[in-house]
Amino acid sequence: MTKRPKYTLSNAFIKSSSIYTTICFYLLIASLLLACASNLPSESLPQSKVAVSSIDHPNYRMHVSSDIDAVKAMLKQALELEANNQHEPTEQLAQKIIVDVELIQIKTQRLSVEKEVKQIENSIFILNQELKWREPVQLAPLNQ
């Protein structure tokens, strides 16, 4: 004959408390996973660092130096926010930096093209002046 455990009030409490402990453990794990998932570091911050470094040279500074300084200040602010684990504002600022860098690149290209157009227009003007200065060449009629 097998011995069966006697079910008493203390045995029922132990079984219910072990279920309660298991449920609490799973809730704790789930809350930790959610907390980690909500505090992911910024995905755009590394891209914004690369973007800012790509425009920090004399070709861009010649045209839009103040814009570059503003973008660098925003990057510094984004790095400070990231250090303080403020990931959502960091992500928004990093995306704004990327858009501003693209705008700087477009402005620089436009200014460079405008400069080239002015040089070409100046060359055309000089050539026209030279053509007006020269005397027209008279060709002799062909005798047959």
C-alpha atoms as a PDB file:
ATOM      1  CA  MET A   1       0.000   0.000   0.000  1.00  0.00           C
ATOM      2  CA  THR A   2       1.334   3.451  -0.937  1.00  0.00           C
ATOM      3  CA  LYS A   3       1.375   6.280   1.431  1.00  0.00           C
ATOM      4  CA  ARG A   4      -0.556   9.277   0.386  1.00  0.00           C
ATOM      5  CA  PRO A   5       0.361  12.655   1.699  1.00  0.00           C
ATOM      6  CA  LYS A   6      -2.140  14.178   3.981  1.00  0.00           C
ATOM      7  CA  TYR A   7      -3.611  17.370   2.605  1.00  0.00           C
ATOM      8  CA  THR A   8      -3.724  19.922   5.266  1.00  0.00           C
ATOM      9  CA  LEU A   9      -4.106  23.637   5.227  1.00  0.00           C
ATOM     10  CA  SER A  10      -0.323  24.130   5.268  1.00  0.00           C
ATOM     11  CA  ASN A  11       0.192  21.816   2.246  1.00  0.00           C
ATOM     12  CA  ALA A  12      -2.434  23.719   0.248  1.00  0.00           C
ATOM     13  CA  PHE A  13      -0.769  26.994   1.172  1.00  0.00           C
ATOM     14  CA  ILE A  14       2.621  25.720  -0.004  1.00  0.00           C
ATOM     15  CA  LYS A  15       1.155  24.597  -3.349  1.00  0.00           C
ATOM     16  CA  SER A  16      -0.688  27.868  -3.881  1.00  0.00           C
ATOM     17  CA  SER A  17       2.355  29.906  -2.871  1.00  0.00           C
ATOM     18  CA  SER A  18       4.572  28.019  -5.323  1.00  0.00           C
ATOM     19  CA  ILE A  19       2.102  28.834  -8.108  1.00  0.00           C
ATOM     20  CA  TYR A  20       2.038  32.437  -6.932  1.00  0.00           C
ATOM     21  CA  THR A  21       5.857  32.503  -6.905  1.00  0.00           C
ATOM     22  CA  THR A  22       6.008  31.082 -10.439  1.00  0.00           C
ATOM     23  CA  ILE A  23       3.516  33.642 -11.730  1.00  0.00           C
ATOM     24  CA  CYS A  24       5.452  36.469 -10.049  1.00  0.00           C
ATOM     25  CA  PHE A  25       8.681  35.189 -11.557  1.00  0.00           C
ATOM     26  CA  TYR A  26       7.195  35.184 -15.069  1.00  0.00           C
ATOM     27  CA  LEU A  27       5.718  38.649 -14.555  1.00  0.00           C
ATOM     28  CA  LEU A  28       9.098  39.914 -13.403  1.00  0.00           C
ATOM     29  CA  ILE A  29      10.836  38.454 -16.462  1.00  0.00           C
ATOM     30  CA  ALA A  30       8.178  39.920 -18.773  1.00  0.00           C
ATOM     31  CA  SER A  31       8.466  43.374 -17.209  1.00  0.00           C
ATOM     32  CA  LEU A  32      12.274  43.278 -17.494  1.00  0.00           C
ATOM     33  CA  LEU A  33      12.021  42.349 -21.170  1.00  0.00           C
ATOM     34  CA  LEU A  34       9.579  45.185 -21.802  1.00  0.00           C
ATOM     35  CA  ALA A  35      11.800  47.631 -19.964  1.00  0.00           C
ATOM     36  CA  CYS A  36      14.805  46.616 -22.045  1.00  0.00           C
ATOM     37  CA  ALA A  37      12.826  46.787 -25.269  1.00  0.00           C
ATOM     38  CA  SER A  38      11.569  50.300 -24.573  1.00  0.00           C
ATOM     39  CA  ASN A  39      15.056  51.665 -23.849  1.00  0.00           C
ATOM     40  CA  LEU A  40      16.824  50.634 -27.015  1.00  0.00           C
ATOM     41  CA  PRO A  41      19.660  52.951 -27.970  1.00  0.00           C
ATOM     42  CA  SER A  42      19.199  55.234 -30.927  1.00  0.00           C
ATOM     43  CA  GLU A  43      19.610  53.549 -34.308  1.00  0.00           C
ATOM     44  CA  SER A  44      20.106  56.829 -36.171  1.00  0.00           C
ATOM     45  CA  LEU A  45      22.799  58.279 -33.906  1.00  0.00           C
ATOM     46  CA  PRO A  46      25.717  56.402 -35.535  1.00  0.00           C
ATOM     47  CA  GLN A  47      24.408  57.422 -38.976  1.00  0.00           C
ATOM     48  CA  SER A  48      24.182  61.047 -37.882  1.00  0.00           C
ATOM     49  CA  LYS A  49      27.798  60.942 -36.610  1.00  0.00           C
ATOM     50  CA  VAL A  50      28.982  59.691 -40.004  1.00  0.00           C
ATOM     51  CA  ALA A  51      26.840  62.260 -41.813  1.00  0.00           C
ATOM     52  CA  VAL A  52      28.250  65.162 -39.778  1.00  0.00           C
ATOM     53  CA  SER A  53      31.819  63.982 -40.311  1.00  0.00           C
ATOM     54  CA  SER A  54      31.176  63.797 -44.075  1.00  0.00           C
ATOM     55  CA  ILE A  55      30.372  67.515 -44.299  1.00  0.00           C
ATOM     56  CA  ASP A  56      33.062  68.787 -41.947  1.00  0.00           C
ATOM     57  CA  HIS A  57      35.667  69.832 -44.506  1.00  0.00           C
ATOM     58  CA  PRO A  58      36.619  73.048 -46.311  1.00  0.00           C
ATOM     59  CA  ASN A  59      34.463  72.500 -49.413  1.00  0.00           C
ATOM     60  CA  TYR A  60      31.324  72.636 -47.312  1.00  0.00           C
ATOM     61  CA  ARG A  61      32.606  75.172 -44.771  1.00  0.00           C
ATOM     62  CA  MET A  62      33.313  77.621 -47.594  1.00  0.00           C
ATOM     63  CA  HIS A  63      29.594  77.781 -48.394  1.00  0.00           C
ATOM     64  CA  VAL A  64      27.577  76.933 -45.270  1.00  0.00           C
ATOM     65  CA  SER A  65      29.817  77.208 -42.233  1.00  0.00           C
ATOM     66  CA  SER A  66      27.087  78.381 -39.844  1.00  0.00           C
ATOM     67  CA  ASP A  67      24.814  75.475 -40.837  1.00  0.00           C
ATOM     68  CA  ILE A  68      27.614  73.004 -40.122  1.00  0.00           C
ATOM     69  CA  ASP A  69      28.219  74.538 -36.703  1.00  0.00           C
ATOM     70  CA  ALA A  70      24.496  74.233 -35.906  1.00  0.00           C
ATOM     71  CA  VAL A  71      24.444  70.564 -36.923  1.00  0.00           C
ATOM     72  CA  LYS A  72      27.544  69.858 -34.824  1.00  0.00           C
ATOM     73  CA  ALA A  73      25.840  71.471 -31.825  1.00  0.00           C
ATOM     74  CA  MET A  74      22.772  69.271 -32.379  1.00  0.00           C
ATOM     75  CA  LEU A  75      25.018  66.188 -32.531  1.00  0.00           C
ATOM     76  CA  LYS A  76      26.636  67.164 -29.243  1.00  0.00           C
ATOM     77  CA  GLN A  77      23.169  67.551 -27.699  1.00  0.00           C
ATOM     78  CA  ALA A  78      22.104  64.151 -29.067  1.00  0.00           C
ATOM     79  CA  LEU A  79      25.191  62.505 -27.558  1.00  0.00           C
ATOM     80  CA  GLU A  80      24.374  64.069 -24.181  1.00  0.00           C
ATOM     81  CA  LEU A  81      20.778  62.830 -24.396  1.00  0.00           C
ATOM     82  CA  GLU A  82      22.012  59.340 -25.262  1.00  0.00           C
ATOM     83  CA  ALA A  83      24.386  59.398 -22.290  1.00  0.00           C
ATOM     84  CA  ASN A  84      21.387  60.209 -20.066  1.00  0.00           C
ATOM     85  CA  ASN A  85      19.417  57.257 -21.542  1.00  0.00           C
ATOM     86  CA  GLN A  86      16.848  59.531 -23.163  1.00  0.00           C
ATOM     87  CA  HIS A  87      16.525  57.385 -26.245  1.00  0.00           C
ATOM     88  CA  GLU A  88      13.360  58.737 -27.856  1.00  0.00           C
ATOM     89  CA  PRO A  89      14.516  62.399 -27.989  1.00  0.00           C
ATOM     90  CA  THR A  90      17.939  61.176 -29.109  1.00  0.00           C
ATOM     91  CA  GLU A  91      16.418  59.260 -32.010  1.00  0.00           C
ATOM     92  CA  GLN A  92      14.341  62.262 -33.097  1.00  0.00           C
ATOM     93  CA  LEU A  93      17.326  64.599 -32.920  1.00  0.00           C
ATOM     94  CA  ALA A  94      19.553  62.141 -34.787  1.00  0.00           C
ATOM     95  CA  GLN A  95      17.011  61.896 -37.608  1.00  0.00           C
ATOM     96  CA  LYS A  96      16.793  65.697 -37.759  1.00  0.00           C
ATOM     97  CA  ILE A  97      20.597  65.853 -37.991  1.00  0.00           C
ATOM     98  CA  ILE A  98      20.588  63.450 -40.941  1.00  0.00           C
ATOM     99  CA  VAL A  99      17.973  65.549 -42.769  1.00  0.00           C
ATOM    100  CA  ASP A 100      19.897  68.770 -42.027  1.00  0.00           C
ATOM    101  CA  VAL A 101      23.119  67.234 -43.352  1.00  0.00           C
ATOM    102  CA  GLU A 102      21.338  66.287 -46.577  1.00  0.00           C
ATOM    103  CA  LEU A 103      20.055  69.857 -46.825  1.00  0.00           C
ATOM    104  CA  ILE A 104      23.596  71.198 -46.336  1.00  0.00           C
ATOM    105  CA  GLN A 105      24.854  68.913 -49.106  1.00  0.00           C
ATOM    106  CA  ILE A 106      22.113  70.128 -51.452  1.00  0.00           C
ATOM    107  CA  LYS A 107      22.793  73.797 -50.608  1.00  0.00           C
ATOM    108  CA  THR A 108      26.500  73.315 -51.235  1.00  0.00           C
ATOM    109  CA  GLN A 109      25.875  71.643 -54.586  1.00  0.00           C
ATOM    110  CA  ARG A 110      23.504  74.430 -55.601  1.00  0.00           C
ATOM    111  CA  LEU A 111      25.993  77.133 -54.610  1.00  0.00           C
ATOM    112  CA  SER A 112      28.782  75.333 -56.431  1.00  0.00           C
ATOM    113  CA  VAL A 113      26.692  75.049 -59.610  1.00  0.00           C
ATOM    114  CA  GLU A 114      25.699  78.727 -59.374  1.00  0.00           C
ATOM    115  CA  LYS A 115      29.390  79.642 -59.096  1.00  0.00           C
ATOM    116  CA  GLU A 116      30.209  77.575 -62.186  1.00  0.00           C
ATOM    117  CA  VAL A 117      27.329  79.150 -64.114  1.00  0.00           C
ATOM    118  CA  LYS A 118      28.621  82.632 -63.269  1.00  0.00           C
ATOM    119  CA  GLN A 119      32.096  81.678 -64.462  1.00  0.00           C
ATOM    120  CA  ILE A 120      30.695  80.344 -67.738  1.00  0.00           C
ATOM    121  CA  GLU A 121      28.553  83.461 -68.219  1.00  0.00           C
ATOM    122  CA  ASN A 122      31.629  85.616 -67.600  1.00  0.00           C
ATOM    123  CA  SER A 123      33.612  83.618 -70.159  1.00  0.00           C
ATOM    124  CA  ILE A 124      30.818  84.035 -72.712  1.00  0.00           C
ATOM    125  CA  PHE A 125      30.711  87.775 -72.043  1.00  0.00           C
ATOM    126  CA  ILE A 126      34.486  88.062 -72.554  1.00  0.00           C
ATOM    127  CA  LEU A 127      34.303  86.060 -75.784  1.00  0.00           C
ATOM    128  CA  ASN A 128      31.500  88.305 -77.056  1.00  0.00           C
ATOM    129  CA  GLN A 129      33.585  91.384 -76.258  1.00  0.00           C
ATOM    130  CA  GLU A 130      36.526  89.950 -78.144  1.00  0.00           C
ATOM    131  CA  LEU A 131      34.333  89.169 -81.144  1.00  0.00           C
ATOM    132  CA  LYS A 132      33.018  92.732 -81.215  1.00  0.00           C
ATOM    133  CA  TRP A 133      36.535  94.144 -80.966  1.00  0.00           C
ATOM    134  CA  ARG A 134      37.889  92.263 -83.957  1.00  0.00           C
ATOM    135  CA  GLU A 135      37.227  93.555 -87.411  1.00  0.00           C
ATOM    136  CA  PRO A 136      35.066  91.365 -89.553  1.00  0.00           C
ATOM    137  CA  VAL A 137      36.960  89.358 -92.104  1.00  0.00           C
ATOM    138  CA  GLN A 138      36.051  90.049 -95.728  1.00  0.00           C
ATOM    139  CA  LEU A 139      36.192  87.039 -97.941  1.00  0.00           C
ATOM    140  CA  ALA A 140      36.958  87.539-101.587  1.00  0.00           C
ATOM    141  CA  PRO A 141      34.375  86.173-103.982  1.00  0.00           C
ATOM    142  CA  LEU A 142      35.294  82.997-105.751  1.00  0.00           C
ATOM    143  CA  ASN A 143      36.060  83.481-109.463  1.00  0.00           C
ATOM    144  CA  GLN A 144      35.121  80.711-111.728  1.00  0.00           C
END
